[in-house]
Amino acid sequence: MIGTGISVNSITAKRRHPLARFAVVALALGILGGGYALTTPTGGTADAAVASGRADDVSEGRNLFVAHCASCHGWNAEGTAKAPTLVGVGAAAVDFQVSSGRMPAADAGAQVPRKPLAPWVTPATTAQLAAYIQSLGGGPTVPSKEQVNPAMGDAAKGGELFRANCIQCHNFVGAGGALTYGKYAPSLNEATDAQIYEAMVTGPQAMPVFNDATITPDEKRDMIAYITGVRSQVDPGGSGLGRIGPVTEGLVGWIVGLSLLILAAIWITAKKRQTS
């Protein structure tokens, strides 16, 4: 009994020691970290690289990044005062920006426009650069051909989604429009199927991100079917005037209509003078 009492008192005293609580927290964190390490699949970085291309592309992508991108984005893509970090942006963002000619950027303006591709940019080099950026911190990957195939989408449903989420900036047919502070929503007529998908999942510049919880991959494909479908539509009422909206149409209608009325009034007046 005495031995048991001494043992219990000793344990109680140790439990009340000021450092005991820290030891318990450290033990709990160790157990939690060990369990996470055992249950998490290894090779996450390699898997991320493979998701956007071959693992061998990472080293080549690193060389391309150092040669063409590091001066603005930092030697390890950590970002600088000129450009943001690329860690975690994913391969989809790289493929969108580089394949559309927006990157490398010629100058840092309010909007980076689409422009002709740099001489070193090819589908292969773009995939290598994307693989390297993907390996740094994951992020959205380049979509598969099935994900962006408009033939597999529902254009009618895509039109509903596009009108609900996109026409405020891109207009009803994707012709684009002006935004604030010198920015603008670009026309979608030149965008490829993959670039439309990548823009939705990465949210370039002023565009919000439409992740899979907001718009599912199938719904994104439906929207691509609508966007690409309206390009082939005709304008039975006459000239589409660039399809950039009612303001332009109203302006042209007002100027043309008013001019015709003025000319008609001049013609009627001149004719009356000749008869008198």
C-alpha atoms as a PDB file:
ATOM      1  CA  MET A   1       0.000   0.000   0.000  1.00  0.00           C
ATOM      2  CA  ILE A   2       2.806   2.377   0.924  1.00  0.00           C
ATOM      3  CA  GLY A   3       4.727   1.480  -2.254  1.00  0.00           C
ATOM      4  CA  THR A   4       1.577   1.955  -4.324  1.00  0.00           C
ATOM      5  CA  GLY A   5       0.876   5.292  -2.685  1.00  0.00           C
ATOM      6  CA  ILE A   6       4.381   6.536  -3.329  1.00  0.00           C
ATOM      7  CA  SER A   7       4.103   5.438  -6.996  1.00  0.00           C
ATOM      8  CA  VAL A   8       0.742   7.186  -7.456  1.00  0.00           C
ATOM      9  CA  ASN A   9       1.981  10.372  -5.789  1.00  0.00           C
ATOM     10  CA  SER A  10       5.089  10.324  -7.967  1.00  0.00           C
ATOM     11  CA  ILE A  11       3.033  10.010 -11.169  1.00  0.00           C
ATOM     12  CA  THR A  12       0.654  12.750 -10.002  1.00  0.00           C
ATOM     13  CA  ALA A  13       3.544  15.061  -9.267  1.00  0.00           C
ATOM     14  CA  LYS A  14       5.046  14.506 -12.703  1.00  0.00           C
ATOM     15  CA  ARG A  15       1.686  15.111 -14.327  1.00  0.00           C
ATOM     16  CA  ARG A  16       1.451  18.480 -12.614  1.00  0.00           C
ATOM     17  CA  HIS A  17       4.933  19.493 -13.722  1.00  0.00           C
ATOM     18  CA  PRO A  18       4.911  22.780 -15.782  1.00  0.00           C
ATOM     19  CA  LEU A  19       6.497  21.040 -18.765  1.00  0.00           C
ATOM     20  CA  ALA A  20       4.027  18.156 -18.800  1.00  0.00           C
ATOM     21  CA  ARG A  21       1.524  19.958 -21.011  1.00  0.00           C
ATOM     22  CA  PHE A  22       4.183  20.699 -23.608  1.00  0.00           C
ATOM     23  CA  ALA A  23       5.251  17.072 -23.622  1.00  0.00           C
ATOM     24  CA  VAL A  24       1.666  15.966 -24.253  1.00  0.00           C
ATOM     25  CA  VAL A  25       1.271  18.438 -27.140  1.00  0.00           C
ATOM     26  CA  ALA A  26       4.584  17.330 -28.666  1.00  0.00           C
ATOM     27  CA  LEU A  27       3.552  13.679 -28.388  1.00  0.00           C
ATOM     28  CA  ALA A  28       0.189  14.378 -30.026  1.00  0.00           C
ATOM     29  CA  LEU A  29       1.795  16.301 -32.872  1.00  0.00           C
ATOM     30  CA  GLY A  30       4.319  13.521 -33.395  1.00  0.00           C
ATOM     31  CA  ILE A  31       1.592  10.893 -33.599  1.00  0.00           C
ATOM     32  CA  LEU A  32      -0.460  13.081 -35.989  1.00  0.00           C
ATOM     33  CA  GLY A  33       2.525  13.813 -38.245  1.00  0.00           C
ATOM     34  CA  GLY A  34       3.617  10.200 -38.320  1.00  0.00           C
ATOM     35  CA  GLY A  35       0.136   9.016 -39.188  1.00  0.00           C
ATOM     36  CA  TYR A  36      -0.125  11.580 -41.988  1.00  0.00           C
ATOM     37  CA  ALA A  37       3.248  10.542 -43.396  1.00  0.00           C
ATOM     38  CA  LEU A  38       2.228   6.888 -43.392  1.00  0.00           C
ATOM     39  CA  THR A  39      -1.155   7.453 -45.046  1.00  0.00           C
ATOM     40  CA  THR A  40      -0.089  10.061 -47.634  1.00  0.00           C
ATOM     41  CA  PRO A  41       1.096   8.645 -50.987  1.00  0.00           C
ATOM     42  CA  THR A  42       4.707   9.414 -51.757  1.00  0.00           C
ATOM     43  CA  GLY A  43       6.019  10.980 -54.925  1.00  0.00           C
ATOM     44  CA  GLY A  44       3.520  13.870 -54.956  1.00  0.00           C
ATOM     45  CA  THR A  45       5.877  16.161 -56.830  1.00  0.00           C
ATOM     46  CA  ALA A  46       6.616  13.561 -59.469  1.00  0.00           C
ATOM     47  CA  ASP A  47       2.931  12.733 -59.834  1.00  0.00           C
ATOM     48  CA  ALA A  48       2.150  16.418 -60.346  1.00  0.00           C
ATOM     49  CA  ALA A  49       4.751  16.644 -63.072  1.00  0.00           C
ATOM     50  CA  VAL A  50       3.491  13.492 -64.764  1.00  0.00           C
ATOM     51  CA  ALA A  51      -0.056  14.910 -64.678  1.00  0.00           C
ATOM     52  CA  SER A  52       1.028  17.650 -67.088  1.00  0.00           C
ATOM     53  CA  GLY A  53       3.533  15.660 -69.150  1.00  0.00           C
ATOM     54  CA  ARG A  54       6.501  13.320 -68.707  1.00  0.00           C
ATOM     55  CA  ALA A  55       8.605  13.527 -65.558  1.00  0.00           C
ATOM     56  CA  ASP A  56      11.636  14.082 -67.804  1.00  0.00           C
ATOM     57  CA  ASP A  57      10.068  17.339 -68.961  1.00  0.00           C
ATOM     58  CA  VAL A  58      10.673  18.944 -65.564  1.00  0.00           C
ATOM     59  CA  SER A  59      14.419  19.422 -66.073  1.00  0.00           C
ATOM     60  CA  GLU A  60      13.931  20.798 -69.576  1.00  0.00           C
ATOM     61  CA  GLY A  61      11.158  23.033 -68.271  1.00  0.00           C
ATOM     62  CA  ARG A  62      13.505  24.335 -65.600  1.00  0.00           C
ATOM     63  CA  ASN A  63      16.028  25.321 -68.279  1.00  0.00           C
ATOM     64  CA  LEU A  64      13.320  27.102 -70.268  1.00  0.00           C
ATOM     65  CA  PHE A  65      12.101  28.890 -67.174  1.00  0.00           C
ATOM     66  CA  VAL A  66      15.569  30.164 -66.284  1.00  0.00           C
ATOM     67  CA  ALA A  67      16.134  31.351 -69.856  1.00  0.00           C
ATOM     68  CA  HIS A  68      12.809  33.070 -70.477  1.00  0.00           C
ATOM     69  CA  CYS A  69      10.862  33.593 -67.235  1.00  0.00           C
ATOM     70  CA  ALA A  70      13.183  33.881 -64.223  1.00  0.00           C
ATOM     71  CA  SER A  71      14.071  37.527 -64.843  1.00  0.00           C
ATOM     72  CA  CYS A  72      10.527  38.508 -63.855  1.00  0.00           C
ATOM     73  CA  HIS A  73       9.219  35.597 -61.759  1.00  0.00           C
ATOM     74  CA  GLY A  74      12.427  34.863 -59.808  1.00  0.00           C
ATOM     75  CA  TRP A  75      14.925  32.047 -60.158  1.00  0.00           C
ATOM     76  CA  ASN A  76      12.699  29.648 -58.221  1.00  0.00           C
ATOM     77  CA  ALA A  77       9.369  31.094 -59.412  1.00  0.00           C
ATOM     78  CA  GLU A  78       8.978  32.749 -56.025  1.00  0.00           C
ATOM     79  CA  GLY A  79       7.863  36.018 -57.615  1.00  0.00           C
ATOM     80  CA  THR A  80       9.377  39.492 -57.685  1.00  0.00           C
ATOM     81  CA  ALA A  81       8.205  43.077 -57.752  1.00  0.00           C
ATOM     82  CA  LYS A  82       7.667  42.664 -61.506  1.00  0.00           C
ATOM     83  CA  ALA A  83       5.612  39.478 -61.501  1.00  0.00           C
ATOM     84  CA  PRO A  84       3.795  37.178 -59.048  1.00  0.00           C
ATOM     85  CA  THR A  85       4.910  33.812 -57.767  1.00  0.00           C
ATOM     86  CA  LEU A  86       4.140  30.803 -59.941  1.00  0.00           C
ATOM     87  CA  VAL A  87       4.258  28.258 -57.129  1.00  0.00           C
ATOM     88  CA  GLY A  88       0.884  26.527 -57.041  1.00  0.00           C
ATOM     89  CA  VAL A  89      -0.589  28.122 -60.183  1.00  0.00           C
ATOM     90  CA  GLY A  90      -0.463  24.783 -62.004  1.00  0.00           C
ATOM     91  CA  ALA A  91       0.275  23.616 -65.526  1.00  0.00           C
ATOM     92  CA  ALA A  92      -3.071  24.877 -66.843  1.00  0.00           C
ATOM     93  CA  ALA A  93      -2.133  28.484 -66.096  1.00  0.00           C
ATOM     94  CA  VAL A  94       1.215  28.092 -67.881  1.00  0.00           C
ATOM     95  CA  ASP A  95      -0.366  26.452 -70.915  1.00  0.00           C
ATOM     96  CA  PHE A  96      -2.996  29.202 -71.157  1.00  0.00           C
ATOM     97  CA  GLN A  97      -0.598  32.112 -70.787  1.00  0.00           C
ATOM     98  CA  VAL A  98       2.204  30.775 -73.004  1.00  0.00           C
ATOM     99  CA  SER A  99       0.119  29.123 -75.736  1.00  0.00           C
ATOM    100  CA  SER A 100      -1.921  32.312 -76.191  1.00  0.00           C
ATOM    101  CA  GLY A 101       1.198  34.482 -76.467  1.00  0.00           C
ATOM    102  CA  ARG A 102       0.412  36.480 -73.328  1.00  0.00           C
ATOM    103  CA  MET A 103       3.625  35.259 -71.751  1.00  0.00           C
ATOM    104  CA  PRO A 104       6.399  36.183 -71.866  1.00  0.00           C
ATOM    105  CA  ALA A 105       4.906  39.650 -71.430  1.00  0.00           C
ATOM    106  CA  ALA A 106       6.325  42.508 -73.487  1.00  0.00           C
ATOM    107  CA  ASP A 107       5.499  45.083 -70.804  1.00  0.00           C
ATOM    108  CA  ALA A 108       3.644  45.252 -67.507  1.00  0.00           C
ATOM    109  CA  GLY A 109       0.440  47.073 -68.400  1.00  0.00           C
ATOM    110  CA  ALA A 110      -3.081  46.949 -67.052  1.00  0.00           C
ATOM    111  CA  GLN A 111      -3.834  44.067 -69.416  1.00  0.00           C
ATOM    112  CA  VAL A 112      -1.541  41.519 -71.040  1.00  0.00           C
ATOM    113  CA  PRO A 113      -2.891  41.038 -74.577  1.00  0.00           C
ATOM    114  CA  ARG A 114      -2.802  38.007 -76.825  1.00  0.00           C
ATOM    115  CA  LYS A 115       0.074  38.290 -79.280  1.00  0.00           C
ATOM    116  CA  PRO A 116       2.074  36.135 -81.723  1.00  0.00           C
ATOM    117  CA  LEU A 117       4.014  33.340 -80.078  1.00  0.00           C
ATOM    118  CA  ALA A 118       7.673  33.786 -79.211  1.00  0.00           C
ATOM    119  CA  PRO A 119      10.063  31.861 -81.494  1.00  0.00           C
ATOM    120  CA  TRP A 120      10.925  29.334 -78.788  1.00  0.00           C
ATOM    121  CA  VAL A 121       7.294  28.529 -77.956  1.00  0.00           C
ATOM    122  CA  THR A 122       6.058  25.218 -79.362  1.00  0.00           C
ATOM    123  CA  PRO A 123       3.585  22.657 -77.970  1.00  0.00           C
ATOM    124  CA  ALA A 124       6.567  20.628 -76.714  1.00  0.00           C
ATOM    125  CA  THR A 125       8.339  23.494 -74.930  1.00  0.00           C
ATOM    126  CA  THR A 126       5.056  24.716 -73.475  1.00  0.00           C
ATOM    127  CA  ALA A 127       4.403  21.239 -72.036  1.00  0.00           C
ATOM    128  CA  GLN A 128       7.904  21.123 -70.561  1.00  0.00           C
ATOM    129  CA  LEU A 129       7.561  24.525 -68.933  1.00  0.00           C
ATOM    130  CA  ALA A 130       4.128  23.557 -67.604  1.00  0.00           C
ATOM    131  CA  ALA A 131       5.531  20.337 -66.149  1.00  0.00           C
ATOM    132  CA  TYR A 132       8.213  22.260 -64.275  1.00  0.00           C
ATOM    133  CA  ILE A 133       5.753  24.756 -62.776  1.00  0.00           C
ATOM    134  CA  GLN A 134       3.377  21.912 -61.882  1.00  0.00           C
ATOM    135  CA  SER A 135       6.191  20.186 -59.999  1.00  0.00           C
ATOM    136  CA  LEU A 136       6.727  23.208 -57.748  1.00  0.00           C
ATOM    137  CA  GLY A 137       3.418  23.155 -55.944  1.00  0.00           C
ATOM    138  CA  GLY A 138       0.638  21.442 -57.850  1.00  0.00           C
ATOM    139  CA  GLY A 139      -2.403  23.346 -59.111  1.00  0.00           C
ATOM    140  CA  PRO A 140      -4.854  22.864 -62.001  1.00  0.00           C
ATOM    141  CA  THR A 141      -3.495  20.555 -64.700  1.00  0.00           C
ATOM    142  CA  VAL A 142      -3.901  20.796 -68.466  1.00  0.00           C
ATOM    143  CA  PRO A 143      -7.313  19.326 -69.403  1.00  0.00           C
ATOM    144  CA  SER A 144      -7.607  16.221 -71.520  1.00  0.00           C
ATOM    145  CA  LYS A 145      -9.025  16.255 -75.043  1.00  0.00           C
ATOM    146  CA  GLU A 146     -12.233  14.637 -73.765  1.00  0.00           C
ATOM    147  CA  GLN A 147     -12.714  17.375 -71.172  1.00  0.00           C
ATOM    148  CA  VAL A 148     -12.675  20.136 -73.797  1.00  0.00           C
ATOM    149  CA  ASN A 149     -14.305  18.346 -76.740  1.00  0.00           C
ATOM    150  CA  PRO A 150     -17.286  20.528 -77.740  1.00  0.00           C
ATOM    151  CA  ALA A 151     -18.835  17.629 -79.663  1.00  0.00           C
ATOM    152  CA  MET A 152     -19.407  15.915 -76.309  1.00  0.00           C
ATOM    153  CA  GLY A 153     -21.050  18.976 -74.740  1.00  0.00           C
ATOM    154  CA  ASP A 154     -24.590  20.367 -74.639  1.00  0.00           C
ATOM    155  CA  ALA A 155     -24.520  23.784 -76.323  1.00  0.00           C
ATOM    156  CA  ALA A 156     -28.008  24.723 -75.095  1.00  0.00           C
ATOM    157  CA  LYS A 157     -27.116  24.064 -71.464  1.00  0.00           C
ATOM    158  CA  GLY A 158     -23.759  25.739 -72.009  1.00  0.00           C
ATOM    159  CA  GLY A 159     -25.516  28.838 -73.302  1.00  0.00           C
ATOM    160  CA  GLU A 160     -27.554  29.061 -70.097  1.00  0.00           C
ATOM    161  CA  LEU A 161     -24.409  28.777 -67.987  1.00  0.00           C
ATOM    162  CA  PHE A 162     -22.545  31.303 -70.145  1.00  0.00           C
ATOM    163  CA  ARG A 163     -25.351  33.850 -69.899  1.00  0.00           C
ATOM    164  CA  ALA A 164     -25.498  33.386 -66.137  1.00  0.00           C
ATOM    165  CA  ASN A 165     -21.767  33.680 -65.470  1.00  0.00           C
ATOM    166  CA  CYS A 166     -19.911  35.310 -68.363  1.00  0.00           C
ATOM    167  CA  ILE A 167     -21.915  37.796 -70.439  1.00  0.00           C
ATOM    168  CA  GLN A 168     -21.360  40.606 -67.945  1.00  0.00           C
ATOM    169  CA  CYS A 169     -17.788  40.815 -69.226  1.00  0.00           C
ATOM    170  CA  HIS A 170     -17.525  38.787 -72.434  1.00  0.00           C
ATOM    171  CA  ASN A 171     -20.948  39.704 -73.921  1.00  0.00           C
ATOM    172  CA  PHE A 172     -23.549  37.257 -75.216  1.00  0.00           C
ATOM    173  CA  VAL A 173     -21.395  35.750 -77.954  1.00  0.00           C
ATOM    174  CA  GLY A 174     -17.953  36.074 -76.379  1.00  0.00           C
ATOM    175  CA  ALA A 175     -16.965  39.194 -78.329  1.00  0.00           C
ATOM    176  CA  GLY A 176     -15.420  40.753 -75.209  1.00  0.00           C
ATOM    177  CA  GLY A 177     -15.905  44.134 -73.579  1.00  0.00           C
ATOM    178  CA  ALA A 178     -14.305  46.928 -71.582  1.00  0.00           C
ATOM    179  CA  LEU A 179     -13.676  46.736 -67.828  1.00  0.00           C
ATOM    180  CA  THR A 180     -12.348  49.284 -65.340  1.00  0.00           C
ATOM    181  CA  TYR A 181      -8.835  50.729 -64.952  1.00  0.00           C
ATOM    182  CA  GLY A 182      -7.786  49.981 -68.527  1.00  0.00           C
ATOM    183  CA  LYS A 183      -8.628  46.290 -68.337  1.00  0.00           C
ATOM    184  CA  TYR A 184     -10.929  44.440 -70.696  1.00  0.00           C
ATOM    185  CA  ALA A 185     -12.478  41.031 -71.206  1.00  0.00           C
ATOM    186  CA  PRO A 186     -10.890  39.683 -74.399  1.00  0.00           C
ATOM    187  CA  SER A 187     -12.767  38.213 -77.318  1.00  0.00           C
ATOM    188  CA  LEU A 188     -13.120  34.436 -77.140  1.00  0.00           C
ATOM    189  CA  ASN A 189     -13.137  33.975 -80.908  1.00  0.00           C
ATOM    190  CA  GLU A 190      -9.415  33.185 -81.064  1.00  0.00           C
ATOM    191  CA  ALA A 191      -9.295  31.026 -77.925  1.00  0.00           C
ATOM    192  CA  THR A 192      -8.876  27.291 -78.354  1.00  0.00           C
ATOM    193  CA  ASP A 193     -11.078  24.788 -76.549  1.00  0.00           C
ATOM    194  CA  ALA A 194      -8.315  24.064 -74.032  1.00  0.00           C
ATOM    195  CA  GLN A 195      -7.617  27.759 -73.430  1.00  0.00           C
ATOM    196  CA  ILE A 196     -11.280  28.415 -72.612  1.00  0.00           C
ATOM    197  CA  TYR A 197     -11.252  25.585 -70.072  1.00  0.00           C
ATOM    198  CA  GLU A 198      -7.918  26.698 -68.602  1.00  0.00           C
ATOM    199  CA  ALA A 199      -9.129  30.273 -68.226  1.00  0.00           C
ATOM    200  CA  MET A 200     -12.099  29.058 -66.202  1.00  0.00           C
ATOM    201  CA  VAL A 201     -10.023  26.964 -63.783  1.00  0.00           C
ATOM    202  CA  THR A 202      -7.170  29.475 -63.352  1.00  0.00           C
ATOM    203  CA  GLY A 203      -8.878  32.890 -63.516  1.00  0.00           C
ATOM    204  CA  PRO A 204      -6.298  34.928 -65.440  1.00  0.00           C
ATOM    205  CA  GLN A 205      -6.023  38.650 -64.650  1.00  0.00           C
ATOM    206  CA  ALA A 206      -9.469  40.139 -63.884  1.00  0.00           C
ATOM    207  CA  MET A 207     -11.348  36.889 -64.477  1.00  0.00           C
ATOM    208  CA  PRO A 208     -12.661  34.987 -61.429  1.00  0.00           C
ATOM    209  CA  VAL A 209     -11.834  31.323 -60.878  1.00  0.00           C
ATOM    210  CA  PHE A 210     -14.620  28.867 -61.709  1.00  0.00           C
ATOM    211  CA  ASN A 211     -13.456  25.736 -59.916  1.00  0.00           C
ATOM    212  CA  ASP A 212     -15.155  22.363 -60.185  1.00  0.00           C
ATOM    213  CA  ALA A 213     -17.318  23.130 -57.160  1.00  0.00           C
ATOM    214  CA  THR A 214     -18.754  26.186 -58.930  1.00  0.00           C
ATOM    215  CA  ILE A 215     -18.962  24.840 -62.485  1.00  0.00           C
ATOM    216  CA  THR A 216     -18.375  21.124 -62.966  1.00  0.00           C
ATOM    217  CA  PRO A 217     -16.060  19.785 -65.702  1.00  0.00           C
ATOM    218  CA  ASP A 218     -19.080  18.610 -67.716  1.00  0.00           C
ATOM    219  CA  GLU A 219     -20.647  22.063 -67.454  1.00  0.00           C
ATOM    220  CA  LYS A 220     -17.383  23.660 -68.583  1.00  0.00           C
ATOM    221  CA  ARG A 221     -17.477  21.415 -71.652  1.00  0.00           C
ATOM    222  CA  ASP A 222     -21.063  22.501 -72.292  1.00  0.00           C
ATOM    223  CA  MET A 223     -19.943  26.137 -72.174  1.00  0.00           C
ATOM    224  CA  ILE A 224     -17.139  25.406 -74.630  1.00  0.00           C
ATOM    225  CA  ALA A 225     -19.707  23.846 -76.975  1.00  0.00           C
ATOM    226  CA  TYR A 226     -21.778  27.037 -76.814  1.00  0.00           C
ATOM    227  CA  ILE A 227     -18.836  29.430 -77.218  1.00  0.00           C
ATOM    228  CA  THR A 228     -17.437  27.608 -80.224  1.00  0.00           C
ATOM    229  CA  GLY A 229     -20.900  27.120 -81.685  1.00  0.00           C
ATOM    230  CA  VAL A 230     -21.861  30.802 -81.834  1.00  0.00           C
ATOM    231  CA  ARG A 231     -18.800  31.524 -83.990  1.00  0.00           C
ATOM    232  CA  SER A 232     -20.457  29.824 -86.958  1.00  0.00           C
ATOM    233  CA  GLN A 233     -23.843  31.485 -86.499  1.00  0.00           C
ATOM    234  CA  VAL A 234     -24.956  33.908 -89.201  1.00  0.00           C
ATOM    235  CA  ASP A 235     -26.567  37.335 -88.719  1.00  0.00           C
ATOM    236  CA  PRO A 236     -29.857  37.182 -90.664  1.00  0.00           C
ATOM    237  CA  GLY A 237     -30.692  40.808 -89.837  1.00  0.00           C
ATOM    238  CA  GLY A 238     -27.675  42.166 -91.689  1.00  0.00           C
ATOM    239  CA  SER A 239     -24.239  43.154 -90.456  1.00  0.00           C
ATOM    240  CA  GLY A 240     -23.406  41.934 -86.962  1.00  0.00           C
ATOM    241  CA  LEU A 241     -21.273  45.056 -86.281  1.00  0.00           C
ATOM    242  CA  GLY A 242     -18.747  42.925 -84.477  1.00  0.00           C
ATOM    243  CA  ARG A 243     -21.450  41.564 -82.145  1.00  0.00           C
ATOM    244  CA  ILE A 244     -20.185  43.831 -79.400  1.00  0.00           C
ATOM    245  CA  GLY A 245     -23.556  44.799 -78.012  1.00  0.00           C
ATOM    246  CA  PRO A 246     -26.557  47.154 -78.142  1.00  0.00           C
ATOM    247  CA  VAL A 247     -24.565  50.333 -77.472  1.00  0.00           C
ATOM    248  CA  THR A 248     -22.696  50.048 -80.759  1.00  0.00           C
ATOM    249  CA  GLU A 249     -25.813  48.925 -82.584  1.00  0.00           C
ATOM    250  CA  GLY A 250     -27.777  51.850 -81.154  1.00  0.00           C
ATOM    251  CA  LEU A 251     -25.031  54.322 -82.036  1.00  0.00           C
ATOM    252  CA  VAL A 252     -24.832  53.102 -85.615  1.00  0.00           C
ATOM    253  CA  GLY A 253     -28.606  53.065 -85.875  1.00  0.00           C
ATOM    254  CA  TRP A 254     -28.831  56.614 -84.554  1.00  0.00           C
ATOM    255  CA  ILE A 255     -26.114  58.018 -86.815  1.00  0.00           C
ATOM    256  CA  VAL A 256     -27.278  56.182 -89.930  1.00  0.00           C
ATOM    257  CA  GLY A 257     -30.941  56.836 -89.236  1.00  0.00           C
ATOM    258  CA  LEU A 258     -30.438  60.503 -88.454  1.00  0.00           C
ATOM    259  CA  SER A 259     -28.232  60.950 -91.524  1.00  0.00           C
ATOM    260  CA  LEU A 260     -30.900  59.406 -93.754  1.00  0.00           C
ATOM    261  CA  LEU A 261     -33.550  61.701 -92.301  1.00  0.00           C
ATOM    262  CA  ILE A 262     -31.353  64.760 -92.904  1.00  0.00           C
ATOM    263  CA  LEU A 263     -30.641  63.701 -96.479  1.00  0.00           C
ATOM    264  CA  ALA A 264     -34.338  63.024 -97.070  1.00  0.00           C
ATOM    265  CA  ALA A 265     -35.253  66.465 -95.732  1.00  0.00           C
ATOM    266  CA  ILE A 266     -32.628  68.150 -97.963  1.00  0.00           C
ATOM    267  CA  TRP A 267     -33.871  66.199-101.014  1.00  0.00           C
ATOM    268  CA  ILE A 268     -37.543  67.065-100.363  1.00  0.00           C
ATOM    269  CA  THR A 269     -36.712  70.753 -99.838  1.00  0.00           C
ATOM    270  CA  ALA A 270     -34.586  70.902-102.989  1.00  0.00           C
ATOM    271  CA  LYS A 271     -37.298  69.229-105.042  1.00  0.00           C
ATOM    272  CA  LYS A 272     -39.930  71.690-103.822  1.00  0.00           C
ATOM    273  CA  ARG A 273     -37.748  74.612-104.824  1.00  0.00           C
ATOM    274  CA  GLN A 274     -37.337  73.199-108.331  1.00  0.00           C
ATOM    275  CA  THR A 275     -41.094  72.767-108.834  1.00  0.00           C
ATOM    276  CA  SER A 276     -41.882  76.264-107.564  1.00  0.00           C
END
